[in-house]
Amino acid sequence: MIWEKIIAVICILLGLYEFYASYQAFKDVTKHGSKHTSPFFAFADFYGFFFGGLLIVMAIQLLTGALD
């Protein structure tokens, strides 16, 4: 169905954006981080990458029909 493919493409784009945002946040904290930076940032950044990967994997499964 065409809607599945449209949703899959949107999820791939969202996953790529999540990777980009997590990478930019990581670069920003490594450059400008100080002792006042939250110690939980590592968890937030990890789960940002994880969620982006999950979106991309689910979108690929949706495109290939593996979820039917």
N, C-alpha and C. Protein backbone atom coordinates (compact mmCIF):
# COMPACT_ATOMS: atom_id res chain seq x y z
N MET A 1 0.84 -1.17 0.00
CA MET A 1 0.00 0.00 0.00
C MET A 1 0.89 1.24 0.00
N ILE A 2 0.45 2.26 -0.63
CA ILE A 2 1.25 3.47 -0.81
C ILE A 2 1.48 4.21 0.52
N TRP A 3 0.49 4.14 1.43
CA TRP A 3 0.64 4.84 2.70
C TRP A 3 1.76 4.25 3.55
N GLU A 4 1.94 2.95 3.46
CA GLU A 4 3.03 2.30 4.21
C GLU A 4 4.38 2.81 3.73
N LYS A 5 4.52 2.97 2.42
CA LYS A 5 5.79 3.44 1.87
C LYS A 5 6.04 4.90 2.23
N ILE A 6 4.99 5.71 2.22
CA ILE A 6 5.14 7.12 2.61
C ILE A 6 5.53 7.22 4.07
N ILE A 7 4.89 6.46 4.93
CA ILE A 7 5.20 6.47 6.36
C ILE A 7 6.62 5.97 6.59
N ALA A 8 7.04 4.95 5.83
CA ALA A 8 8.39 4.41 5.97
C ALA A 8 9.44 5.46 5.59
N VAL A 9 9.20 6.18 4.52
CA VAL A 9 10.15 7.23 4.11
C VAL A 9 10.21 8.34 5.16
N ILE A 10 9.07 8.70 5.71
CA ILE A 10 9.04 9.72 6.76
C ILE A 10 9.80 9.23 7.99
N CYS A 11 9.63 7.95 8.35
CA CYS A 11 10.36 7.40 9.50
C CYS A 11 11.86 7.36 9.25
N ILE A 12 12.28 7.06 8.02
CA ILE A 12 13.70 7.09 7.70
C ILE A 12 14.25 8.50 7.85
N LEU A 13 13.51 9.48 7.36
CA LEU A 13 13.96 10.87 7.49
C LEU A 13 14.02 11.30 8.95
N LEU A 14 13.05 10.89 9.74
CA LEU A 14 13.06 11.21 11.18
C LEU A 14 14.23 10.53 11.88
N GLY A 15 14.51 9.29 11.51
CA GLY A 15 15.64 8.57 12.09
C GLY A 15 16.96 9.24 11.75
N LEU A 16 17.11 9.66 10.50
CA LEU A 16 18.34 10.36 10.11
C LEU A 16 18.47 11.69 10.84
N TYR A 17 17.35 12.39 11.00
CA TYR A 17 17.40 13.64 11.75
C TYR A 17 17.78 13.39 13.21
N GLU A 18 17.28 12.31 13.79
CA GLU A 18 17.61 11.98 15.18
C GLU A 18 19.10 11.69 15.33
N PHE A 19 19.67 10.96 14.36
CA PHE A 19 21.11 10.73 14.36
C PHE A 19 21.87 12.06 14.29
N TYR A 20 21.43 12.93 13.39
CA TYR A 20 22.09 14.22 13.21
C TYR A 20 22.00 15.06 14.49
N ALA A 21 20.82 15.11 15.09
CA ALA A 21 20.63 15.91 16.31
C ALA A 21 21.46 15.35 17.46
N SER A 22 21.52 14.04 17.58
CA SER A 22 22.32 13.43 18.64
C SER A 22 23.80 13.70 18.43
N TYR A 23 24.25 13.62 17.18
CA TYR A 23 25.66 13.89 16.89
C TYR A 23 26.00 15.35 17.17
N GLN A 24 25.12 16.27 16.78
CA GLN A 24 25.36 17.69 17.04
C GLN A 24 25.39 17.97 18.54
N ALA A 25 24.50 17.34 19.30
CA ALA A 25 24.50 17.53 20.75
C ALA A 25 25.78 16.98 21.36
N PHE A 26 26.24 15.83 20.87
CA PHE A 26 27.49 15.25 21.36
C PHE A 26 28.67 16.18 21.08
N LYS A 27 28.73 16.71 19.86
CA LYS A 27 29.80 17.64 19.51
C LYS A 27 29.75 18.90 20.38
N ASP A 28 28.56 19.40 20.63
CA ASP A 28 28.40 20.60 21.43
C ASP A 28 28.84 20.38 22.87
N VAL A 29 28.47 19.25 23.44
CA VAL A 29 28.84 18.97 24.83
C VAL A 29 30.34 18.70 24.96
N THR A 30 30.92 18.00 23.99
CA THR A 30 32.35 17.74 24.08
C THR A 30 33.16 19.02 23.90
N LYS A 31 32.61 19.98 23.18
CA LYS A 31 33.33 21.24 22.96
C LYS A 31 33.07 22.25 24.08
N HIS A 32 31.84 22.34 24.51
CA HIS A 32 31.46 23.38 25.48
C HIS A 32 31.02 22.83 26.83
N GLY A 33 31.15 21.54 27.05
CA GLY A 33 30.71 20.95 28.32
C GLY A 33 31.63 21.36 29.46
N SER A 34 31.07 21.41 30.64
CA SER A 34 31.84 21.76 31.83
C SER A 34 31.38 20.86 32.97
N LYS A 35 31.83 21.19 34.17
CA LYS A 35 31.42 20.38 35.32
C LYS A 35 29.93 20.54 35.62
N HIS A 36 29.31 21.54 35.02
CA HIS A 36 27.88 21.78 35.25
C HIS A 36 27.00 21.00 34.26
N THR A 37 27.62 20.31 33.33
CA THR A 37 26.87 19.50 32.38
C THR A 37 26.29 18.29 33.12
N SER A 38 25.05 17.98 32.81
CA SER A 38 24.38 16.87 33.49
C SER A 38 25.11 15.55 33.25
N PRO A 39 25.29 14.78 34.30
CA PRO A 39 25.92 13.46 34.10
C PRO A 39 25.02 12.49 33.35
N PHE A 40 23.77 12.82 33.20
CA PHE A 40 22.84 11.96 32.49
C PHE A 40 22.82 12.22 30.99
N PHE A 41 23.66 13.15 30.54
CA PHE A 41 23.69 13.45 29.11
C PHE A 41 24.10 12.23 28.29
N ALA A 42 25.00 11.42 28.82
CA ALA A 42 25.44 10.23 28.08
C ALA A 42 24.26 9.30 27.80
N PHE A 43 23.38 9.14 28.77
CA PHE A 43 22.19 8.30 28.57
C PHE A 43 21.27 8.91 27.51
N ALA A 44 21.08 10.22 27.60
CA ALA A 44 20.20 10.89 26.64
C ALA A 44 20.76 10.77 25.22
N ASP A 45 22.06 10.95 25.09
CA ASP A 45 22.66 10.87 23.77
C ASP A 45 22.62 9.44 23.23
N PHE A 46 22.90 8.47 24.07
CA PHE A 46 22.83 7.07 23.65
C PHE A 46 21.43 6.72 23.16
N TYR A 47 20.43 7.09 23.92
CA TYR A 47 19.07 6.75 23.54
C TYR A 47 18.60 7.55 22.33
N GLY A 48 19.18 8.71 22.09
CA GLY A 48 18.90 9.42 20.86
C GLY A 48 19.38 8.63 19.65
N PHE A 49 20.62 8.12 19.73
CA PHE A 49 21.13 7.28 18.65
C PHE A 49 20.32 5.99 18.53
N PHE A 50 19.98 5.40 19.66
CA PHE A 50 19.20 4.16 19.66
C PHE A 50 17.84 4.35 19.01
N PHE A 51 17.15 5.43 19.36
CA PHE A 51 15.83 5.70 18.81
C PHE A 51 15.91 5.97 17.31
N GLY A 52 16.95 6.70 16.89
CA GLY A 52 17.13 6.94 15.46
C GLY A 52 17.35 5.64 14.70
N GLY A 53 18.17 4.76 15.25
CA GLY A 53 18.40 3.47 14.61
C GLY A 53 17.14 2.63 14.59
N LEU A 54 16.39 2.66 15.67
CA LEU A 54 15.14 1.91 15.74
C LEU A 54 14.15 2.40 14.68
N LEU A 55 14.05 3.70 14.51
CA LEU A 55 13.16 4.25 13.48
C LEU A 55 13.57 3.78 12.09
N ILE A 56 14.86 3.78 11.82
CA ILE A 56 15.34 3.38 10.50
C ILE A 56 15.10 1.89 10.27
N VAL A 57 15.39 1.07 11.26
CA VAL A 57 15.17 -0.38 11.11
C VAL A 57 13.69 -0.69 10.91
N MET A 58 12.83 -0.06 11.68
CA MET A 58 11.40 -0.31 11.53
C MET A 58 10.89 0.17 10.17
N ALA A 59 11.43 1.29 9.69
CA ALA A 59 11.02 1.79 8.38
C ALA A 59 11.46 0.85 7.27
N ILE A 60 12.65 0.29 7.38
CA ILE A 60 13.11 -0.66 6.37
C ILE A 60 12.26 -1.92 6.40
N GLN A 61 11.89 -2.36 7.58
CA GLN A 61 11.01 -3.51 7.68
C GLN A 61 9.65 -3.22 7.07
N LEU A 62 9.17 -2.01 7.25
CA LEU A 62 7.90 -1.62 6.67
C LEU A 62 8.00 -1.57 5.15
N LEU A 63 9.12 -1.08 4.62
CA LEU A 63 9.30 -1.02 3.17
C LEU A 63 9.41 -2.40 2.54
N THR A 64 10.06 -3.32 3.22
CA THR A 64 10.26 -4.65 2.65
C THR A 64 9.08 -5.58 2.89
N GLY A 65 8.14 -5.17 3.71
CA GLY A 65 6.98 -6.01 3.97
C GLY A 65 7.21 -7.04 5.05
N ALA A 66 8.23 -6.87 5.86
CA ALA A 66 8.53 -7.84 6.90
C ALA A 66 7.54 -7.77 8.07
N LEU A 67 6.78 -6.71 8.16
CA LEU A 67 5.83 -6.56 9.27
C LEU A 67 4.43 -7.05 8.93
N ASP A 68 4.25 -7.57 7.74
CA ASP A 68 2.92 -8.05 7.34
C ASP A 68 2.56 -9.34 8.01
